[in-house]
Amino acid sequence: MFGLGTTEIILILVVVLIFFGGKRIPEFARGLGRGIREFKDAASGIKNEIEKETSATEEKK
């Protein structure tokens, strides 16, 4: 996993827990999840729009 060992991952998690505290981590995770979902929705919308335009172009031929 990105060249990180178990010890490094645990150390990073401990630092994050100390830095942000236990109450802020779930809020951060929810915000991250919402951002990822919005990105996927936007990417899907763009893909659908491109497919619609290409199919419309092929029908005109």
PDB file of N, CA and C in Angstrom:
ATOM      1  N   MET A   1       0.847  -1.187   0.000  1.00  0.00           N
ATOM      2  CA  MET A   1       0.000   0.000   0.000  1.00  0.00           C
ATOM      3  C   MET A   1       0.884   1.238   0.000  1.00  0.00           C
ATOM      4  N   PHE A   2       1.229   1.716  -1.168  1.00  0.00           N
ATOM      5  CA  PHE A   2       2.041   2.915  -1.359  1.00  0.00           C
ATOM      6  C   PHE A   2       3.407   2.812  -0.687  1.00  0.00           C
ATOM      7  N   GLY A   3       3.884   1.622  -0.441  1.00  0.00           N
ATOM      8  CA  GLY A   3       5.187   1.446   0.170  1.00  0.00           C
ATOM      9  C   GLY A   3       5.221   1.761   1.658  1.00  0.00           C
ATOM     10  N   LEU A   4       4.062   1.856   2.297  1.00  0.00           N
ATOM     11  CA  LEU A   4       4.004   2.132   3.726  1.00  0.00           C
ATOM     12  C   LEU A   4       3.807   0.824   4.487  1.00  0.00           C
ATOM     13  N   GLY A   5       4.544   0.702   5.564  1.00  0.00           N
ATOM     14  CA  GLY A   5       4.391  -0.464   6.415  1.00  0.00           C
ATOM     15  C   GLY A   5       3.316  -0.231   7.466  1.00  0.00           C
ATOM     16  N   THR A   6       3.055  -1.259   8.231  1.00  0.00           N
ATOM     17  CA  THR A   6       2.038  -1.180   9.276  1.00  0.00           C
ATOM     18  C   THR A   6       2.388  -0.120  10.317  1.00  0.00           C
ATOM     19  N   THR A   7       3.648  -0.046  10.692  1.00  0.00           N
ATOM     20  CA  THR A   7       4.077   0.917  11.700  1.00  0.00           C
ATOM     21  C   THR A   7       3.845   2.353  11.236  1.00  0.00           C
ATOM     22  N   GLU A   8       4.166   2.640   9.973  1.00  0.00           N
ATOM     23  CA  GLU A   8       3.972   3.992   9.457  1.00  0.00           C
ATOM     24  C   GLU A   8       2.494   4.361   9.411  1.00  0.00           C
ATOM     25  N   ILE A   9       1.647   3.418   9.010  1.00  0.00           N
ATOM     26  CA  ILE A   9       0.211   3.685   8.944  1.00  0.00           C
ATOM     27  C   ILE A   9      -0.343   3.961  10.337  1.00  0.00           C
ATOM     28  N   ILE A  10       0.058   3.171  11.315  1.00  0.00           N
ATOM     29  CA  ILE A  10      -0.400   3.377  12.692  1.00  0.00           C
ATOM     30  C   ILE A  10       0.071   4.730  13.205  1.00  0.00           C
ATOM     31  N   LEU A  11       1.306   5.089  12.928  1.00  0.00           N
ATOM     32  CA  LEU A  11       1.840   6.379  13.354  1.00  0.00           C
ATOM     33  C   LEU A  11       1.054   7.534  12.730  1.00  0.00           C
ATOM     34  N   ILE A  12       0.738   7.421  11.455  1.00  0.00           N
ATOM     35  CA  ILE A  12      -0.040   8.466  10.781  1.00  0.00           C
ATOM     36  C   ILE A  12      -1.423   8.579  11.398  1.00  0.00           C
ATOM     37  N   LEU A  13      -2.075   7.452  11.668  1.00  0.00           N
ATOM     38  CA  LEU A  13      -3.400   7.467  12.281  1.00  0.00           C
ATOM     39  C   LEU A  13      -3.384   8.081  13.672  1.00  0.00           C
ATOM     40  N   VAL A  14      -2.347   7.796  14.451  1.00  0.00           N
ATOM     41  CA  VAL A  14      -2.229   8.377  15.792  1.00  0.00           C
ATOM     42  C   VAL A  14      -2.040   9.888  15.704  1.00  0.00           C
ATOM     43  N   VAL A  15      -1.202  10.336  14.772  1.00  0.00           N
ATOM     44  CA  VAL A  15      -0.974  11.770  14.614  1.00  0.00           C
ATOM     45  C   VAL A  15      -2.269  12.466  14.182  1.00  0.00           C
ATOM     46  N   VAL A  16      -3.010  11.855  13.258  1.00  0.00           N
ATOM     47  CA  VAL A  16      -4.279  12.436  12.816  1.00  0.00           C
ATOM     48  C   VAL A  16      -5.262  12.499  13.979  1.00  0.00           C
ATOM     49  N   LEU A  17      -5.317  11.437  14.780  1.00  0.00           N
ATOM     50  CA  LEU A  17      -6.222  11.413  15.931  1.00  0.00           C
ATOM     51  C   LEU A  17      -5.857  12.496  16.937  1.00  0.00           C
ATOM     52  N   ILE A  18      -4.585  12.681  17.189  1.00  0.00           N
ATOM     53  CA  ILE A  18      -4.140  13.714  18.126  1.00  0.00           C
ATOM     54  C   ILE A  18      -4.407  15.105  17.544  1.00  0.00           C
ATOM     55  N   PHE A  19      -4.135  15.263  16.266  1.00  0.00           N
ATOM     56  CA  PHE A  19      -4.255  16.571  15.624  1.00  0.00           C
ATOM     57  C   PHE A  19      -5.708  17.035  15.528  1.00  0.00           C
ATOM     58  N   PHE A  20      -6.605  16.147  15.104  1.00  0.00           N
ATOM     59  CA  PHE A  20      -7.992  16.536  14.872  1.00  0.00           C
ATOM     60  C   PHE A  20      -8.932  16.164  16.011  1.00  0.00           C
ATOM     61  N   GLY A  21      -8.591  15.184  16.796  1.00  0.00           N
ATOM     62  CA  GLY A  21      -9.474  14.742  17.873  1.00  0.00           C
ATOM     63  C   GLY A  21     -10.506  13.753  17.380  1.00  0.00           C
ATOM     64  N   GLY A  22     -11.057  13.001  18.296  1.00  0.00           N
ATOM     65  CA  GLY A  22     -11.996  11.947  17.943  1.00  0.00           C
ATOM     66  C   GLY A  22     -13.320  12.448  17.400  1.00  0.00           C
ATOM     67  N   LYS A  23     -13.734  13.641  17.778  1.00  0.00           N
ATOM     68  CA  LYS A  23     -15.032  14.154  17.335  1.00  0.00           C
ATOM     69  C   LYS A  23     -14.995  14.695  15.915  1.00  0.00           C
ATOM     70  N   ARG A  24     -13.854  15.189  15.485  1.00  0.00           N
ATOM     71  CA  ARG A  24     -13.762  15.806  14.164  1.00  0.00           C
ATOM     72  C   ARG A  24     -13.544  14.796  13.048  1.00  0.00           C
ATOM     73  N   ILE A  25     -13.008  13.633  13.348  1.00  0.00           N
ATOM     74  CA  ILE A  25     -12.698  12.651  12.311  1.00  0.00           C
ATOM     75  C   ILE A  25     -13.956  12.164  11.586  1.00  0.00           C
ATOM     76  N   PRO A  26     -15.056  11.813  12.282  1.00  0.00           N
ATOM     77  CA  PRO A  26     -16.266  11.412  11.540  1.00  0.00           C
ATOM     78  C   PRO A  26     -16.823  12.530  10.657  1.00  0.00           C
ATOM     79  N   GLU A  27     -16.741  13.770  11.119  1.00  0.00           N
ATOM     80  CA  GLU A  27     -17.193  14.891  10.303  1.00  0.00           C
ATOM     81  C   GLU A  27     -16.340  15.007   9.040  1.00  0.00           C
ATOM     82  N   PHE A  28     -15.057  14.846   9.205  1.00  0.00           N
ATOM     83  CA  PHE A  28     -14.142  14.907   8.070  1.00  0.00           C
ATOM     84  C   PHE A  28     -14.433  13.775   7.092  1.00  0.00           C
ATOM     85  N   ALA A  29     -14.683  12.574   7.608  1.00  0.00           N
ATOM     86  CA  ALA A  29     -14.971  11.425   6.749  1.00  0.00           C
ATOM     87  C   ALA A  29     -16.280  11.625   5.992  1.00  0.00           C
ATOM     88  N   ARG A  30     -17.297  12.180   6.649  1.00  0.00           N
ATOM     89  CA  ARG A  30     -18.568  12.453   5.969  1.00  0.00           C
ATOM     90  C   ARG A  30     -18.372  13.473   4.849  1.00  0.00           C
ATOM     91  N   GLY A  31     -17.628  14.516   5.125  1.00  0.00           N
ATOM     92  CA  GLY A  31     -17.360  15.530   4.101  1.00  0.00           C
ATOM     93  C   GLY A  31     -16.586  14.957   2.930  1.00  0.00           C
ATOM     94  N   LEU A  32     -15.625  14.103   3.227  1.00  0.00           N
ATOM     95  CA  LEU A  32     -14.852  13.461   2.176  1.00  0.00           C
ATOM     96  C   LEU A  32     -15.741  12.553   1.340  1.00  0.00           C
ATOM     97  N   GLY A  33     -16.630  11.815   1.991  1.00  0.00           N
ATOM     98  CA  GLY A  33     -17.554  10.945   1.272  1.00  0.00           C
ATOM     99  C   GLY A  33     -18.493  11.724   0.366  1.00  0.00           C
ATOM    100  N   ARG A  34     -19.001  12.848   0.868  1.00  0.00           N
ATOM    101  CA  ARG A  34     -19.879  13.691   0.046  1.00  0.00           C
ATOM    102  C   ARG A  34     -19.128  14.233  -1.169  1.00  0.00           C
ATOM    103  N   GLY A  35     -17.889  14.649  -0.941  1.00  0.00           N
ATOM    104  CA  GLY A  35     -17.091  15.170  -2.055  1.00  0.00           C
ATOM    105  C   GLY A  35     -16.828  14.118  -3.111  1.00  0.00           C
ATOM    106  N   ILE A  36     -16.519  12.915  -2.692  1.00  0.00           N
ATOM    107  CA  ILE A  36     -16.273  11.825  -3.639  1.00  0.00           C
ATOM    108  C   ILE A  36     -17.544  11.497  -4.408  1.00  0.00           C
ATOM    109  N   ARG A  37     -18.687  11.462  -3.696  1.00  0.00           N
ATOM    110  CA  ARG A  37     -19.970  11.169  -4.346  1.00  0.00           C
ATOM    111  C   ARG A  37     -20.305  12.238  -5.387  1.00  0.00           C
ATOM    112  N   GLU A  38     -20.107  13.513  -5.046  1.00  0.00           N
ATOM    113  CA  GLU A  38     -20.381  14.591  -5.997  1.00  0.00           C
ATOM    114  C   GLU A  38     -19.470  14.505  -7.208  1.00  0.00           C
ATOM    115  N   PHE A  39     -18.211  14.142  -6.993  1.00  0.00           N
ATOM    116  CA  PHE A  39     -17.274  13.995  -8.109  1.00  0.00           C
ATOM    117  C   PHE A  39     -17.718  12.868  -9.030  1.00  0.00           C
ATOM    118  N   LYS A  40     -18.126  11.732  -8.453  1.00  0.00           N
ATOM    119  CA  LYS A  40     -18.587  10.601  -9.268  1.00  0.00           C
ATOM    120  C   LYS A  40     -19.848  10.966 -10.040  1.00  0.00           C
ATOM    121  N   ASP A  41     -20.769  11.680  -9.393  1.00  0.00           N
ATOM    122  CA  ASP A  41     -21.991  12.100 -10.076  1.00  0.00           C
ATOM    123  C   ASP A  41     -21.675  13.032 -11.243  1.00  0.00           C
ATOM    124  N   ALA A  42     -20.759  13.962 -11.031  1.00  0.00           N
ATOM    125  CA  ALA A  42     -20.378  14.888 -12.093  1.00  0.00           C
ATOM    126  C   ALA A  42     -19.699  14.143 -13.237  1.00  0.00           C
ATOM    127  N   ALA A  43     -18.823  13.212 -12.916  1.00  0.00           N
ATOM    128  CA  ALA A  43     -18.139  12.433 -13.951  1.00  0.00           C
ATOM    129  C   ALA A  43     -19.143  11.597 -14.732  1.00  0.00           C
ATOM    130  N   SER A  44     -20.110  11.026 -14.045  1.00  0.00           N
ATOM    131  CA  SER A  44     -21.143  10.232 -14.707  1.00  0.00           C
ATOM    132  C   SER A  44     -21.995  11.102 -15.616  1.00  0.00           C
ATOM    133  N   GLY A  45     -22.325  12.300 -15.162  1.00  0.00           N
ATOM    134  CA  GLY A  45     -23.105  13.221 -15.984  1.00  0.00           C
ATOM    135  C   GLY A  45     -22.373  13.620 -17.249  1.00  0.00           C
ATOM    136  N   ILE A  46     -21.091  13.874 -17.127  1.00  0.00           N
ATOM    137  CA  ILE A  46     -20.284  14.234 -18.299  1.00  0.00           C
ATOM    138  C   ILE A  46     -20.211  13.061 -19.275  1.00  0.00           C
ATOM    139  N   LYS A  47     -20.015  11.863 -18.736  1.00  0.00           N
ATOM    140  CA  LYS A  47     -19.943  10.666 -19.576  1.00  0.00           C
ATOM    141  C   LYS A  47     -21.258  10.455 -20.319  1.00  0.00           C
ATOM    142  N   ASN A  48     -22.382  10.600 -19.615  1.00  0.00           N
ATOM    143  CA  ASN A  48     -23.688  10.438 -20.259  1.00  0.00           C
ATOM    144  C   ASN A  48     -23.907  11.478 -21.348  1.00  0.00           C
ATOM    145  N   GLU A  49     -23.484  12.698 -21.092  1.00  0.00           N
ATOM    146  CA  GLU A  49     -23.638  13.771 -22.080  1.00  0.00           C
ATOM    147  C   GLU A  49     -22.809  13.480 -23.325  1.00  0.00           C
ATOM    148  N   ILE A  50     -21.589  12.996 -23.142  1.00  0.00           N
ATOM    149  CA  ILE A  50     -20.733  12.660 -24.291  1.00  0.00           C
ATOM    150  C   ILE A  50     -21.336  11.519 -25.084  1.00  0.00           C
ATOM    151  N   GLU A  51     -21.828  10.487 -24.384  1.00  0.00           N
ATOM    152  CA  GLU A  51     -22.439   9.352 -25.075  1.00  0.00           C
ATOM    153  C   GLU A  51     -23.685   9.783 -25.842  1.00  0.00           C
ATOM    154  N   LYS A  52     -24.477  10.683 -25.264  1.00  0.00           N
ATOM    155  CA  LYS A  52     -25.681  11.175 -25.931  1.00  0.00           C
ATOM    156  C   LYS A  52     -25.311  11.942 -27.197  1.00  0.00           C
ATOM    157  N   GLU A  53     -24.286  12.775 -27.104  1.00  0.00           N
ATOM    158  CA  GLU A  53     -23.877  13.555 -28.269  1.00  0.00           C
ATOM    159  C   GLU A  53     -23.299  12.664 -29.365  1.00  0.00           C
ATOM    160  N   THR A  54     -22.503  11.669 -28.988  1.00  0.00           N
ATOM    161  CA  THR A  54     -21.925  10.791 -30.012  1.00  0.00           C
ATOM    162  C   THR A  54     -23.000   9.942 -30.673  1.00  0.00           C
ATOM    163  N   SER A  55     -23.979   9.483 -29.906  1.00  0.00           N
ATOM    164  CA  SER A  55     -25.057   8.694 -30.523  1.00  0.00           C
ATOM    165  C   SER A  55     -25.915   9.569 -31.434  1.00  0.00           C
ATOM    166  N   ALA A  56     -26.134  10.822 -31.063  1.00  0.00           N
ATOM    167  CA  ALA A  56     -26.892  11.732 -31.907  1.00  0.00           C
ATOM    168  C   ALA A  56     -26.124  12.026 -33.200  1.00  0.00           C
ATOM    169  N   THR A  57     -24.816  12.118 -33.110  1.00  0.00           N
ATOM    170  CA  THR A  57     -23.990  12.370 -34.288  1.00  0.00           C
ATOM    171  C   THR A  57     -24.008  11.154 -35.213  1.00  0.00           C
ATOM    172  N   GLU A  58     -23.968   9.957 -34.645  1.00  0.00           N
ATOM    173  CA  GLU A  58     -23.984   8.732 -35.460  1.00  0.00           C
ATOM    174  C   GLU A  58     -25.323   8.541 -36.137  1.00  0.00           C
ATOM    175  N   GLU A  59     -26.418   8.979 -35.520  1.00  0.00           N
ATOM    176  CA  GLU A  59     -27.738   8.836 -36.124  1.00  0.00           C
ATOM    177  C   GLU A  59     -27.899   9.749 -37.329  1.00  0.00           C
ATOM    178  N   LYS A  60     -27.192  10.889 -37.330  1.00  0.00           N
ATOM    179  CA  LYS A  60     -27.289  11.842 -38.443  1.00  0.00           C
ATOM    180  C   LYS A  60     -26.586  11.316 -39.682  1.00  0.00           C
ATOM    181  N   LYS A  61     -25.654  10.393 -39.519  1.00  0.00           N
ATOM    182  CA  LYS A  61     -24.875   9.897 -40.668  1.00  0.00           C
ATOM    183  C   LYS A  61     -25.696   9.046 -41.547  1.00  0.00           C
TER     184      LYS A  61
END
